[in-house]
Structures are given as C-alpha cells and as structure tokens.
C-alpha cells in the first residue's frame, strides 16, 4: 500500500501545529516561584502551587515572580539625626517576600527594583522618625531591639499595599561621623574623669573619717590605759607605804637613818654636784655623827 506524499506532508504539518499549540498552551510552575497569567493585559489566574498548567495559546501571557525570601541591602549607610541633634550613620537590611502576586503586579508592574525603592523609602522614613525621638545611647544599645520591631511592623503594614510582606528589619551598625565621634568621646572621657574624681573624693573623705575614728579610739585606749596604770600604781604605792610603815614602825630611828641614806645617795649622784648647807643642818645629821664613838 502506497502512501501519498501529499497526505504524509499534511499529517506531519498537522502534527507540528498540534505540538506548537500544546507547547504554547502549557506552562510549569516551580516551587520557588509564582505564575501570573495575563490575558490582554488583565490578570486571569494566579498559580502558586508547583505543577503543570495550561493557558489559551497566543492569547495568554505568563509572568513569573520569585516567592523566596529576598534581602534588601543598602550600598552606603544612611545618615539620620537623633534627638540630641547628632548625626549617625546607619547600616541596615530588610528581609521581604511577595505574598500577593496580583497586587504586586498591579502596584509596581512586577518590577523588583521599583518594589525595593518603595520599601526603602518606607524603612528610611521609619528610621528617621524613630531616631529623631531617641538619643545616641538609645539607638546604639538601650532601645535598639524595640526600634527594629517598630520598623518591621510599620514597614510590613505599609508594604502589604503593594503585595509584599516584611519579615525582618535589622540594624547592622550605627556609626558616628568623625567629628561627632570625637566630641562624643571627649564628653565620655570628661564624664568618666568626673566619676573618677568623685570616687577619689569620696574615698579620701572615707579614709579621713576612718583615720579620725582610729585616732579617737587610740586616744581613748591610751587614756584608759594611763588611768588604769595610775590606779594600779597608786594602789602599789599605797601598799608599799603600808609595808614600809609596818616594817619601819618598829624602829623609827632606823627608818629615819635609812631615808637619810637614800637622800644622800640621790643628792650626790654626780661628782659635779655642789650643795651649800650649814654644818648644823638636819640634813647632815647622820654625816656629822658618823665618826662619833658609841
């Protein structure tokens, strides 16, 4: 059986047309993207689930959008003013993703650059407002986490209007311009010196107080010790006098003689001592009678 070449050509041509129509009407959606189907400029379908789909060939167009989390980074830090009228350089980034492809397409024509421009404007306005209400200390450490959460909520609320969700806003670094840094460091140094001087002053005052208290206690202890010593000495002298009186009371003459010898001993300790006395003085009583025969 012979096949007419013209029929074979028609079959091949029909098959080719069928392949072209099928390929023009089928499209696939990857798990990393959304597919938006347009018909004469109007959105007719949005496919978010991965798989194979069909459209009207040569009429419908498919636009793909990335559904992964994207990062908006700024090439250069932005300058903001704090409540102290100090300039700060802020380096930050934003994590965002598309959640409503149709609204995203209508709002920014599906242009990622335009979407990031609007998102950047929203975040910068929020940073300017929040930094303008806080001091340098607040934005560096004190309220940094609070600022980032406020910025995230505000950016997410505004960005929903263009079909995107803001997942996170992070402040990576807050720097001071060189002239501001020098003035801040000088002020911090002056504050630290003031604190150090105050601590030294308080320490010196405490030391003086401790020394004064110690001196007072020493004087009290010495006075008490001297008082006790005088009491003990007085009691000893009294006992000694009583003993002397008891011992020498039996022989008053011997007691007088002994006391005179002590007086002589104390009076003639040095060879240079000179005493001018009358020979009949009672002081020389026992010296005059030392050679008398008994």
C-alpha atoms as a PDB file:
ATOM      1  CA  UNK A   1       0.000   0.000   0.000  1.00  0.00           C
ATOM      2  CA  UNK A   2       1.430   3.266  -1.095  1.00  0.00           C
ATOM      3  CA  UNK A   3       1.031   6.487   0.969  1.00  0.00           C
ATOM      4  CA  UNK A   4       0.569   9.671  -0.931  1.00  0.00           C
ATOM      5  CA  UNK A   5       3.408  12.075  -0.179  1.00  0.00           C
ATOM      6  CA  UNK A   6       0.968  14.935  -0.050  1.00  0.00           C
ATOM      7  CA  UNK A   7      -1.052  13.195   2.667  1.00  0.00           C
ATOM      8  CA  UNK A   8       2.156  12.458   4.599  1.00  0.00           C
ATOM      9  CA  UNK A   9       3.126  16.098   4.429  1.00  0.00           C
ATOM     10  CA  UNK A  10      -0.314  17.170   5.646  1.00  0.00           C
ATOM     11  CA  UNK A  11      -0.098  14.732   8.554  1.00  0.00           C
ATOM     12  CA  UNK A  12       3.342  15.946   9.510  1.00  0.00           C
ATOM     13  CA  UNK A  13       2.247  19.574   9.223  1.00  0.00           C
ATOM     14  CA  UNK A  14      -0.827  18.903  11.393  1.00  0.00           C
ATOM     15  CA  UNK A  15       1.277  17.146  13.982  1.00  0.00           C
ATOM     16  CA  UNK A  16       3.698  20.078  14.039  1.00  0.00           C
ATOM     17  CA  UNK A  17       0.819  22.514  14.507  1.00  0.00           C
ATOM     18  CA  UNK A  18      -0.502  20.366  17.355  1.00  0.00           C
ATOM     19  CA  UNK A  19       2.902  20.363  19.068  1.00  0.00           C
ATOM     20  CA  UNK A  20       3.171  24.123  18.722  1.00  0.00           C
ATOM     21  CA  UNK A  21      -0.324  24.664  20.127  1.00  0.00           C
ATOM     22  CA  UNK A  22       0.240  22.314  23.038  1.00  0.00           C
ATOM     23  CA  UNK A  23       3.634  23.874  23.873  1.00  0.00           C
ATOM     24  CA  UNK A  24       2.119  27.352  23.645  1.00  0.00           C
ATOM     25  CA  UNK A  25      -0.741  26.436  25.959  1.00  0.00           C
ATOM     26  CA  UNK A  26       1.244  24.557  28.650  1.00  0.00           C
ATOM     27  CA  UNK A  27       3.466  26.078  31.305  1.00  0.00           C
ATOM     28  CA  UNK A  28       5.019  24.868  34.557  1.00  0.00           C
ATOM     29  CA  UNK A  29       5.315  26.468  37.956  1.00  0.00           C
ATOM     30  CA  UNK A  30       8.438  25.860  40.030  1.00  0.00           C
ATOM     31  CA  UNK A  31       8.314  25.603  43.837  1.00  0.00           C
ATOM     32  CA  UNK A  32      10.427  28.749  44.036  1.00  0.00           C
ATOM     33  CA  UNK A  33       8.039  30.993  42.115  1.00  0.00           C
ATOM     34  CA  UNK A  34       4.533  32.207  41.445  1.00  0.00           C
ATOM     35  CA  UNK A  35       2.944  32.314  37.995  1.00  0.00           C
ATOM     36  CA  UNK A  36       0.577  35.105  36.987  1.00  0.00           C
ATOM     37  CA  UNK A  37      -1.499  34.544  33.835  1.00  0.00           C
ATOM     38  CA  UNK A  38      -2.488  37.639  31.844  1.00  0.00           C
ATOM     39  CA  UNK A  39      -4.999  37.878  29.047  1.00  0.00           C
ATOM     40  CA  UNK A  40      -4.884  41.051  27.015  1.00  0.00           C
ATOM     41  CA  UNK A  41      -3.278  42.854  29.971  1.00  0.00           C
ATOM     42  CA  UNK A  42      -5.795  41.588  32.543  1.00  0.00           C
ATOM     43  CA  UNK A  43      -4.872  39.087  35.233  1.00  0.00           C
ATOM     44  CA  UNK A  44      -6.985  35.954  34.809  1.00  0.00           C
ATOM     45  CA  UNK A  45      -5.192  33.427  37.031  1.00  0.00           C
ATOM     46  CA  UNK A  46      -2.532  33.133  39.718  1.00  0.00           C
ATOM     47  CA  UNK A  47      -0.800  29.807  40.227  1.00  0.00           C
ATOM     48  CA  UNK A  48       1.133  29.330  43.483  1.00  0.00           C
ATOM     49  CA  UNK A  49       1.313  25.525  43.623  1.00  0.00           C
ATOM     50  CA  UNK A  50       4.129  23.802  41.690  1.00  0.00           C
ATOM     51  CA  UNK A  51       2.962  21.757  38.686  1.00  0.00           C
ATOM     52  CA  UNK A  52       1.884  21.779  35.037  1.00  0.00           C
ATOM     53  CA  UNK A  53      -0.802  24.236  33.892  1.00  0.00           C
ATOM     54  CA  UNK A  54      -2.475  25.299  30.658  1.00  0.00           C
ATOM     55  CA  UNK A  55      -3.441  28.641  29.162  1.00  0.00           C
ATOM     56  CA  UNK A  56      -5.035  29.968  25.998  1.00  0.00           C
ATOM     57  CA  UNK A  57      -2.247  29.813  23.420  1.00  0.00           C
ATOM     58  CA  UNK A  58      -1.098  33.002  21.751  1.00  0.00           C
ATOM     59  CA  UNK A  59      -3.530  34.988  23.923  1.00  0.00           C
ATOM     60  CA  UNK A  60      -2.472  34.463  27.499  1.00  0.00           C
ATOM     61  CA  UNK A  61       0.929  35.516  28.829  1.00  0.00           C
ATOM     62  CA  UNK A  62       2.614  34.136  31.956  1.00  0.00           C
ATOM     63  CA  UNK A  63       4.705  36.294  34.310  1.00  0.00           C
ATOM     64  CA  UNK A  64       6.807  34.641  36.986  1.00  0.00           C
ATOM     65  CA  UNK A  65       7.661  36.111  40.395  1.00  0.00           C
ATOM     66  CA  UNK A  66      10.124  34.790  42.955  1.00  0.00           C
ATOM     67  CA  UNK A  67       8.358  33.557  46.113  1.00  0.00           C
ATOM     68  CA  UNK A  68      11.543  33.150  48.169  1.00  0.00           C
ATOM     69  CA  UNK A  69      12.668  35.497  50.940  1.00  0.00           C
ATOM     70  CA  UNK A  70      14.573  38.397  49.420  1.00  0.00           C
ATOM     71  CA  UNK A  71      17.077  40.752  51.017  1.00  0.00           C
ATOM     72  CA  UNK A  72      17.220  44.498  50.568  1.00  0.00           C
ATOM     73  CA  UNK A  73      20.701  45.841  51.352  1.00  0.00           C
ATOM     74  CA  UNK A  74      21.888  49.411  51.009  1.00  0.00           C
ATOM     75  CA  UNK A  75      25.266  50.049  49.429  1.00  0.00           C
ATOM     76  CA  UNK A  76      26.032  53.001  51.699  1.00  0.00           C
ATOM     77  CA  UNK A  77      24.868  53.770  55.274  1.00  0.00           C
ATOM     78  CA  UNK A  78      22.153  56.396  55.553  1.00  0.00           C
ATOM     79  CA  UNK A  79      22.516  59.499  57.715  1.00  0.00           C
ATOM     80  CA  UNK A  80      19.935  60.275  60.416  1.00  0.00           C
ATOM     81  CA  UNK A  81      19.645  62.832  63.232  1.00  0.00           C
ATOM     82  CA  UNK A  82      18.992  61.878  66.860  1.00  0.00           C
ATOM     83  CA  UNK A  83      17.063  63.864  69.455  1.00  0.00           C
ATOM     84  CA  UNK A  84      20.416  65.352  70.527  1.00  0.00           C
ATOM     85  CA  UNK A  85      20.823  66.806  67.027  1.00  0.00           C
ATOM     86  CA  UNK A  86      23.710  64.407  66.392  1.00  0.00           C
ATOM     87  CA  UNK A  87      24.246  62.784  63.003  1.00  0.00           C
ATOM     88  CA  UNK A  88      24.560  58.995  62.896  1.00  0.00           C
ATOM     89  CA  UNK A  89      25.321  56.648  60.012  1.00  0.00           C
ATOM     90  CA  UNK A  90      23.018  53.612  59.990  1.00  0.00           C
ATOM     91  CA  UNK A  91      23.643  50.415  58.046  1.00  0.00           C
ATOM     92  CA  UNK A  92      20.602  48.130  57.898  1.00  0.00           C
ATOM     93  CA  UNK A  93      18.886  45.487  55.786  1.00  0.00           C
ATOM     94  CA  UNK A  94      15.337  44.191  55.186  1.00  0.00           C
ATOM     95  CA  UNK A  95      14.021  40.660  54.622  1.00  0.00           C
ATOM     96  CA  UNK A  96      10.886  40.571  52.471  1.00  0.00           C
ATOM     97  CA  UNK A  97       8.898  38.377  50.078  1.00  0.00           C
ATOM     98  CA  UNK A  98       5.952  38.544  47.687  1.00  0.00           C
ATOM     99  CA  UNK A  99       2.662  37.240  49.127  1.00  0.00           C
ATOM    100  CA  UNK A 100       0.113  38.714  46.698  1.00  0.00           C
ATOM    101  CA  UNK A 101       1.367  38.458  43.095  1.00  0.00           C
ATOM    102  CA  UNK A 102      -1.643  40.237  41.601  1.00  0.00           C
ATOM    103  CA  UNK A 103      -1.368  43.260  43.901  1.00  0.00           C
ATOM    104  CA  UNK A 104       2.391  43.224  43.423  1.00  0.00           C
ATOM    105  CA  UNK A 105       1.985  43.271  39.650  1.00  0.00           C
ATOM    106  CA  UNK A 106      -0.655  45.999  39.674  1.00  0.00           C
ATOM    107  CA  UNK A 107       1.255  48.219  42.128  1.00  0.00           C
ATOM    108  CA  UNK A 108       4.812  48.049  40.798  1.00  0.00           C
ATOM    109  CA  UNK A 109       4.318  46.283  37.457  1.00  0.00           C
ATOM    110  CA  UNK A 110       6.189  43.328  38.888  1.00  0.00           C
ATOM    111  CA  UNK A 111       9.406  45.344  38.954  1.00  0.00           C
ATOM    112  CA  UNK A 112      11.595  44.251  41.881  1.00  0.00           C
ATOM    113  CA  UNK A 113      13.711  47.400  41.688  1.00  0.00           C
ATOM    114  CA  UNK A 114      10.630  49.605  41.985  1.00  0.00           C
ATOM    115  CA  UNK A 115       9.314  47.495  44.875  1.00  0.00           C
ATOM    116  CA  UNK A 116      12.622  47.797  46.750  1.00  0.00           C
ATOM    117  CA  UNK A 117      12.640  51.549  46.104  1.00  0.00           C
ATOM    118  CA  UNK A 118       9.249  51.923  47.783  1.00  0.00           C
ATOM    119  CA  UNK A 119      10.252  49.584  50.608  1.00  0.00           C
ATOM    120  CA  UNK A 120      13.487  51.530  51.108  1.00  0.00           C
ATOM    121  CA  UNK A 121      11.553  54.789  51.348  1.00  0.00           C
ATOM    122  CA  UNK A 122       9.216  53.300  53.962  1.00  0.00           C
ATOM    123  CA  UNK A 123      12.073  51.960  56.105  1.00  0.00           C
ATOM    124  CA  UNK A 124      14.082  55.187  55.857  1.00  0.00           C
ATOM    125  CA  UNK A 125      11.080  57.258  56.904  1.00  0.00           C
ATOM    126  CA  UNK A 126      10.613  54.959  59.895  1.00  0.00           C
ATOM    127  CA  UNK A 127      14.285  55.164  60.851  1.00  0.00           C
ATOM    128  CA  UNK A 128      14.223  58.954  60.609  1.00  0.00           C
ATOM    129  CA  UNK A 129      11.134  59.147  62.828  1.00  0.00           C
ATOM    130  CA  UNK A 130      12.401  56.691  65.459  1.00  0.00           C
ATOM    131  CA  UNK A 131      15.949  58.073  65.621  1.00  0.00           C
ATOM    132  CA  UNK A 132      14.609  61.601  65.917  1.00  0.00           C
ATOM    133  CA  UNK A 133      12.899  60.641  69.197  1.00  0.00           C
ATOM    134  CA  UNK A 134      15.929  58.950  70.800  1.00  0.00           C
ATOM    135  CA  UNK A 135      19.440  59.688  71.983  1.00  0.00           C
ATOM    136  CA  UNK A 136      22.629  58.113  70.660  1.00  0.00           C
ATOM    137  CA  UNK A 137      22.749  55.753  73.640  1.00  0.00           C
ATOM    138  CA  UNK A 138      19.185  54.614  72.975  1.00  0.00           C
ATOM    139  CA  UNK A 139      19.765  53.809  69.302  1.00  0.00           C
ATOM    140  CA  UNK A 140      23.110  52.107  69.922  1.00  0.00           C
ATOM    141  CA  UNK A 141      22.143  49.789  72.761  1.00  0.00           C
ATOM    142  CA  UNK A 142      19.318  50.885  75.005  1.00  0.00           C
ATOM    143  CA  UNK A 143      16.286  50.578  72.659  1.00  0.00           C
ATOM    144  CA  UNK A 144      17.795  49.022  69.545  1.00  0.00           C
ATOM    145  CA  UNK A 145      15.607  45.905  69.618  1.00  0.00           C
ATOM    146  CA  UNK A 146      12.478  47.974  70.183  1.00  0.00           C
ATOM    147  CA  UNK A 147      13.342  50.229  67.246  1.00  0.00           C
ATOM    148  CA  UNK A 148      13.801  47.264  64.889  1.00  0.00           C
ATOM    149  CA  UNK A 149      10.460  45.749  65.892  1.00  0.00           C
ATOM    150  CA  UNK A 150       8.653  49.074  65.386  1.00  0.00           C
ATOM    151  CA  UNK A 151      10.268  49.457  61.970  1.00  0.00           C
ATOM    152  CA  UNK A 152       9.304  45.912  60.964  1.00  0.00           C
ATOM    153  CA  UNK A 153       5.671  46.396  61.928  1.00  0.00           C
ATOM    154  CA  UNK A 154       5.437  49.744  60.172  1.00  0.00           C
ATOM    155  CA  UNK A 155       7.191  48.558  57.004  1.00  0.00           C
ATOM    156  CA  UNK A 156       5.074  45.405  56.883  1.00  0.00           C
ATOM    157  CA  UNK A 157       1.841  47.366  57.297  1.00  0.00           C
ATOM    158  CA  UNK A 158       2.728  49.789  54.500  1.00  0.00           C
ATOM    159  CA  UNK A 159       4.179  47.131  52.179  1.00  0.00           C
ATOM    160  CA  UNK A 160       1.061  44.994  52.277  1.00  0.00           C
ATOM    161  CA  UNK A 161      -0.486  47.609  49.994  1.00  0.00           C
ATOM    162  CA  UNK A 162       1.858  46.509  47.199  1.00  0.00           C
ATOM    163  CA  UNK A 163       1.521  42.788  47.908  1.00  0.00           C
ATOM    164  CA  UNK A 164       4.722  42.119  49.838  1.00  0.00           C
ATOM    165  CA  UNK A 165       5.431  41.050  53.424  1.00  0.00           C
ATOM    166  CA  UNK A 166       8.307  42.417  55.512  1.00  0.00           C
ATOM    167  CA  UNK A 167       9.704  39.632  57.665  1.00  0.00           C
ATOM    168  CA  UNK A 168      12.508  41.464  59.412  1.00  0.00           C
ATOM    169  CA  UNK A 169      14.277  44.816  59.646  1.00  0.00           C
ATOM    170  CA  UNK A 170      17.780  44.720  61.137  1.00  0.00           C
ATOM    171  CA  UNK A 171      20.167  47.490  62.086  1.00  0.00           C
ATOM    172  CA  UNK A 172      23.628  46.075  61.446  1.00  0.00           C
ATOM    173  CA  UNK A 173      25.719  49.017  62.560  1.00  0.00           C
ATOM    174  CA  UNK A 174      25.315  52.533  63.942  1.00  0.00           C
ATOM    175  CA  UNK A 175      28.356  54.736  63.443  1.00  0.00           C
ATOM    176  CA  UNK A 176      29.081  58.344  64.210  1.00  0.00           C
ATOM    177  CA  UNK A 177      30.694  60.770  61.766  1.00  0.00           C
ATOM    178  CA  UNK A 178      34.302  61.511  62.681  1.00  0.00           C
ATOM    179  CA  UNK A 179      33.620  64.986  64.068  1.00  0.00           C
ATOM    180  CA  UNK A 180      30.681  63.706  66.126  1.00  0.00           C
ATOM    181  CA  UNK A 181      32.701  60.719  67.318  1.00  0.00           C
ATOM    182  CA  UNK A 182      35.455  62.976  68.622  1.00  0.00           C
ATOM    183  CA  UNK A 183      33.012  65.172  70.532  1.00  0.00           C
ATOM    184  CA  UNK A 184      31.188  62.151  71.957  1.00  0.00           C
ATOM    185  CA  UNK A 185      34.430  60.501  73.009  1.00  0.00           C
ATOM    186  CA  UNK A 186      35.626  63.750  74.601  1.00  0.00           C
ATOM    187  CA  UNK A 187      32.367  64.051  76.510  1.00  0.00           C
ATOM    188  CA  UNK A 188      32.532  60.414  77.607  1.00  0.00           C
ATOM    189  CA  UNK A 189      36.127  60.923  78.741  1.00  0.00           C
ATOM    190  CA  UNK A 190      35.140  64.028  80.700  1.00  0.00           C
ATOM    191  CA  UNK A 191      32.232  62.149  82.310  1.00  0.00           C
ATOM    192  CA  UNK A 192      34.498  59.251  83.266  1.00  0.00           C
ATOM    193  CA  UNK A 193      37.080  61.640  84.715  1.00  0.00           C
ATOM    194  CA  UNK A 194      34.324  63.340  86.698  1.00  0.00           C
ATOM    195  CA  UNK A 195      33.176  59.986  88.054  1.00  0.00           C
ATOM    196  CA  UNK A 196      36.765  59.038  88.876  1.00  0.00           C
ATOM    197  CA  UNK A 197      37.363  62.336  90.688  1.00  0.00           C
ATOM    198  CA  UNK A 198      34.126  61.917  92.615  1.00  0.00           C
ATOM    199  CA  UNK A 199      35.119  58.395  93.650  1.00  0.00           C
ATOM    200  CA  UNK A 200      38.571  59.618  94.703  1.00  0.00           C
ATOM    201  CA  UNK A 201      36.982  62.417  96.719  1.00  0.00           C
ATOM    202  CA  UNK A 202      34.575  60.025  98.402  1.00  0.00           C
ATOM    203  CA  UNK A 203      37.445  57.628  99.067  1.00  0.00           C
ATOM    204  CA  UNK A 204      39.572  60.381 100.598  1.00  0.00           C
ATOM    205  CA  UNK A 205      36.679  61.511 102.789  1.00  0.00           C
ATOM    206  CA  UNK A 206      36.066  57.937 103.928  1.00  0.00           C
ATOM    207  CA  UNK A 207      39.782  57.489 104.641  1.00  0.00           C
ATOM    208  CA  UNK A 208      39.883  60.681 106.696  1.00  0.00           C
ATOM    209  CA  UNK A 209      36.831  59.547 108.625  1.00  0.00           C
ATOM    210  CA  UNK A 210      38.412  56.162 109.307  1.00  0.00           C
ATOM    211  CA  UNK A 211      41.690  57.767 110.385  1.00  0.00           C
ATOM    212  CA  UNK A 212      39.885  60.232 112.666  1.00  0.00           C
ATOM    213  CA  UNK A 213      37.889  57.404 114.222  1.00  0.00           C
ATOM    214  CA  UNK A 214      41.042  55.341 114.687  1.00  0.00           C
ATOM    215  CA  UNK A 215      42.858  58.300 116.301  1.00  0.00           C
ATOM    216  CA  UNK A 216      39.911  58.876 118.615  1.00  0.00           C
ATOM    217  CA  UNK A 217      39.827  55.240 119.613  1.00  0.00           C
ATOM    218  CA  UNK A 218      43.605  55.310 120.183  1.00  0.00           C
ATOM    219  CA  UNK A 219      43.312  58.347 122.429  1.00  0.00           C
ATOM    220  CA  UNK A 220      40.517  56.698 124.389  1.00  0.00           C
ATOM    221  CA  UNK A 221      42.501  53.471 124.737  1.00  0.00           C
ATOM    222  CA  UNK A 222      45.684  55.327 125.820  1.00  0.00           C
ATOM    223  CA  UNK A 223      43.718  57.432 128.307  1.00  0.00           C
ATOM    224  CA  UNK A 224      42.021  54.360 129.727  1.00  0.00           C
ATOM    225  CA  UNK A 225      45.347  52.547 129.917  1.00  0.00           C
ATOM    226  CA  UNK A 226      47.025  55.525 131.628  1.00  0.00           C
ATOM    227  CA  UNK A 227      44.114  55.780 134.029  1.00  0.00           C
ATOM    228  CA  UNK A 228      44.377  52.076 134.830  1.00  0.00           C
ATOM    229  CA  UNK A 229      48.162  52.347 135.194  1.00  0.00           C
ATOM    230  CA  UNK A 230      47.844  55.273 137.594  1.00  0.00           C
ATOM    231  CA  UNK A 231      45.270  53.368 139.593  1.00  0.00           C
ATOM    232  CA  UNK A 232      47.477  50.305 139.795  1.00  0.00           C
ATOM    233  CA  UNK A 233      50.482  52.469 140.605  1.00  0.00           C
ATOM    234  CA  UNK A 234      48.541  54.286 143.331  1.00  0.00           C
ATOM    235  CA  UNK A 235      47.419  51.000 144.813  1.00  0.00           C
ATOM    236  CA  UNK A 236      51.026  49.756 144.669  1.00  0.00           C
ATOM    237  CA  UNK A 237      52.362  52.894 146.300  1.00  0.00           C
ATOM    238  CA  UNK A 238      49.720  52.636 148.978  1.00  0.00           C
ATOM    239  CA  UNK A 239      50.599  49.028 149.655  1.00  0.00           C
ATOM    240  CA  UNK A 240      54.307  49.866 149.625  1.00  0.00           C
ATOM    241  CA  UNK A 241      53.753  52.721 152.059  1.00  0.00           C
ATOM    242  CA  UNK A 242      51.741  50.419 154.273  1.00  0.00           C
ATOM    243  CA  UNK A 243      54.500  47.828 154.155  1.00  0.00           C
ATOM    244  CA  UNK A 244      57.163  50.471 154.840  1.00  0.00           C
ATOM    245  CA  UNK A 245      55.117  51.839 157.706  1.00  0.00           C
ATOM    246  CA  UNK A 246      54.652  48.398 159.171  1.00  0.00           C
ATOM    247  CA  UNK A 247      58.287  47.451 158.704  1.00  0.00           C
ATOM    248  CA  UNK A 248      59.863  50.656 159.944  1.00  0.00           C
ATOM    249  CA  UNK A 249      57.294  51.399 162.625  1.00  0.00           C
ATOM    250  CA  UNK A 250      59.104  49.028 164.900  1.00  0.00           C
ATOM    251  CA  UNK A 251      62.293  51.182 164.685  1.00  0.00           C
ATOM    252  CA  UNK A 252      61.648  54.827 163.835  1.00  0.00           C
ATOM    253  CA  UNK A 253      65.304  55.725 164.297  1.00  0.00           C
ATOM    254  CA  UNK A 254      66.434  53.120 161.810  1.00  0.00           C
ATOM    255  CA  UNK A 255      63.695  54.261 159.368  1.00  0.00           C
ATOM    256  CA  UNK A 256      64.927  57.874 159.618  1.00  0.00           C
ATOM    257  CA  UNK A 257      68.519  56.717 159.114  1.00  0.00           C
ATOM    258  CA  UNK A 258      67.556  54.640 156.042  1.00  0.00           C
ATOM    259  CA  UNK A 259      65.608  57.501 154.458  1.00  0.00           C
ATOM    260  CA  UNK A 260      68.546  59.837 155.041  1.00  0.00           C
ATOM    261  CA  UNK A 261      70.896  57.436 153.261  1.00  0.00           C
ATOM    262  CA  UNK A 262      68.551  57.372 150.280  1.00  0.00           C
ATOM    263  CA  UNK A 263      68.513  61.162 150.258  1.00  0.00           C
ATOM    264  CA  UNK A 264      72.337  61.247 150.376  1.00  0.00           C
ATOM    265  CA  UNK A 265      72.525  58.731 147.521  1.00  0.00           C
ATOM    266  CA  UNK A 266      70.162  60.744 145.343  1.00  0.00           C
ATOM    267  CA  UNK A 267      71.853  64.056 146.166  1.00  0.00           C
ATOM    268  CA  UNK A 268      75.422  63.023 145.432  1.00  0.00           C
ATOM    269  CA  UNK A 269      74.978  61.058 142.164  1.00  0.00           C
ATOM    270  CA  UNK A 270      77.375  63.287 140.211  1.00  0.00           C
ATOM    271  CA  UNK A 271      80.817  64.495 141.199  1.00  0.00           C
ATOM    272  CA  UNK A 272      79.942  67.938 139.927  1.00  0.00           C
ATOM    273  CA  UNK A 273      77.030  68.326 142.345  1.00  0.00           C
ATOM    274  CA  UNK A 274      77.559  71.150 144.863  1.00  0.00           C
ATOM    275  CA  UNK A 275      75.405  71.727 147.926  1.00  0.00           C
ATOM    276  CA  UNK A 276      75.730  74.734 150.225  1.00  0.00           C
ATOM    277  CA  UNK A 277      74.470  73.821 153.691  1.00  0.00           C
ATOM    278  CA  UNK A 278      75.205  74.868 157.251  1.00  0.00           C
ATOM    279  CA  UNK A 279      77.084  72.241 159.248  1.00  0.00           C
ATOM    280  CA  UNK A 280      74.324  72.271 161.814  1.00  0.00           C
ATOM    281  CA  UNK A 281      71.652  71.393 159.150  1.00  0.00           C
ATOM    282  CA  UNK A 282      69.424  68.449 159.966  1.00  0.00           C
ATOM    283  CA  UNK A 283      70.216  67.078 156.508  1.00  0.00           C
ATOM    284  CA  UNK A 284      73.794  66.403 157.642  1.00  0.00           C
ATOM    285  CA  UNK A 285      72.722  64.912 160.941  1.00  0.00           C
ATOM    286  CA  UNK A 286      73.956  61.395 160.280  1.00  0.00           C
ATOM    287  CA  UNK A 287      77.046  62.564 158.437  1.00  0.00           C
ATOM    288  CA  UNK A 288      78.122  64.665 161.427  1.00  0.00           C
ATOM    289  CA  UNK A 289      77.628  61.769 163.780  1.00  0.00           C
ATOM    290  CA  UNK A 290      79.217  59.130 161.560  1.00  0.00           C
ATOM    291  CA  UNK A 291      82.541  59.354 163.402  1.00  0.00           C
ATOM    292  CA  UNK A 292      81.160  59.592 166.984  1.00  0.00           C
ATOM    293  CA  UNK A 293      82.165  56.858 169.445  1.00  0.00           C
ATOM    294  CA  UNK A 294      79.401  54.792 170.874  1.00  0.00           C
END
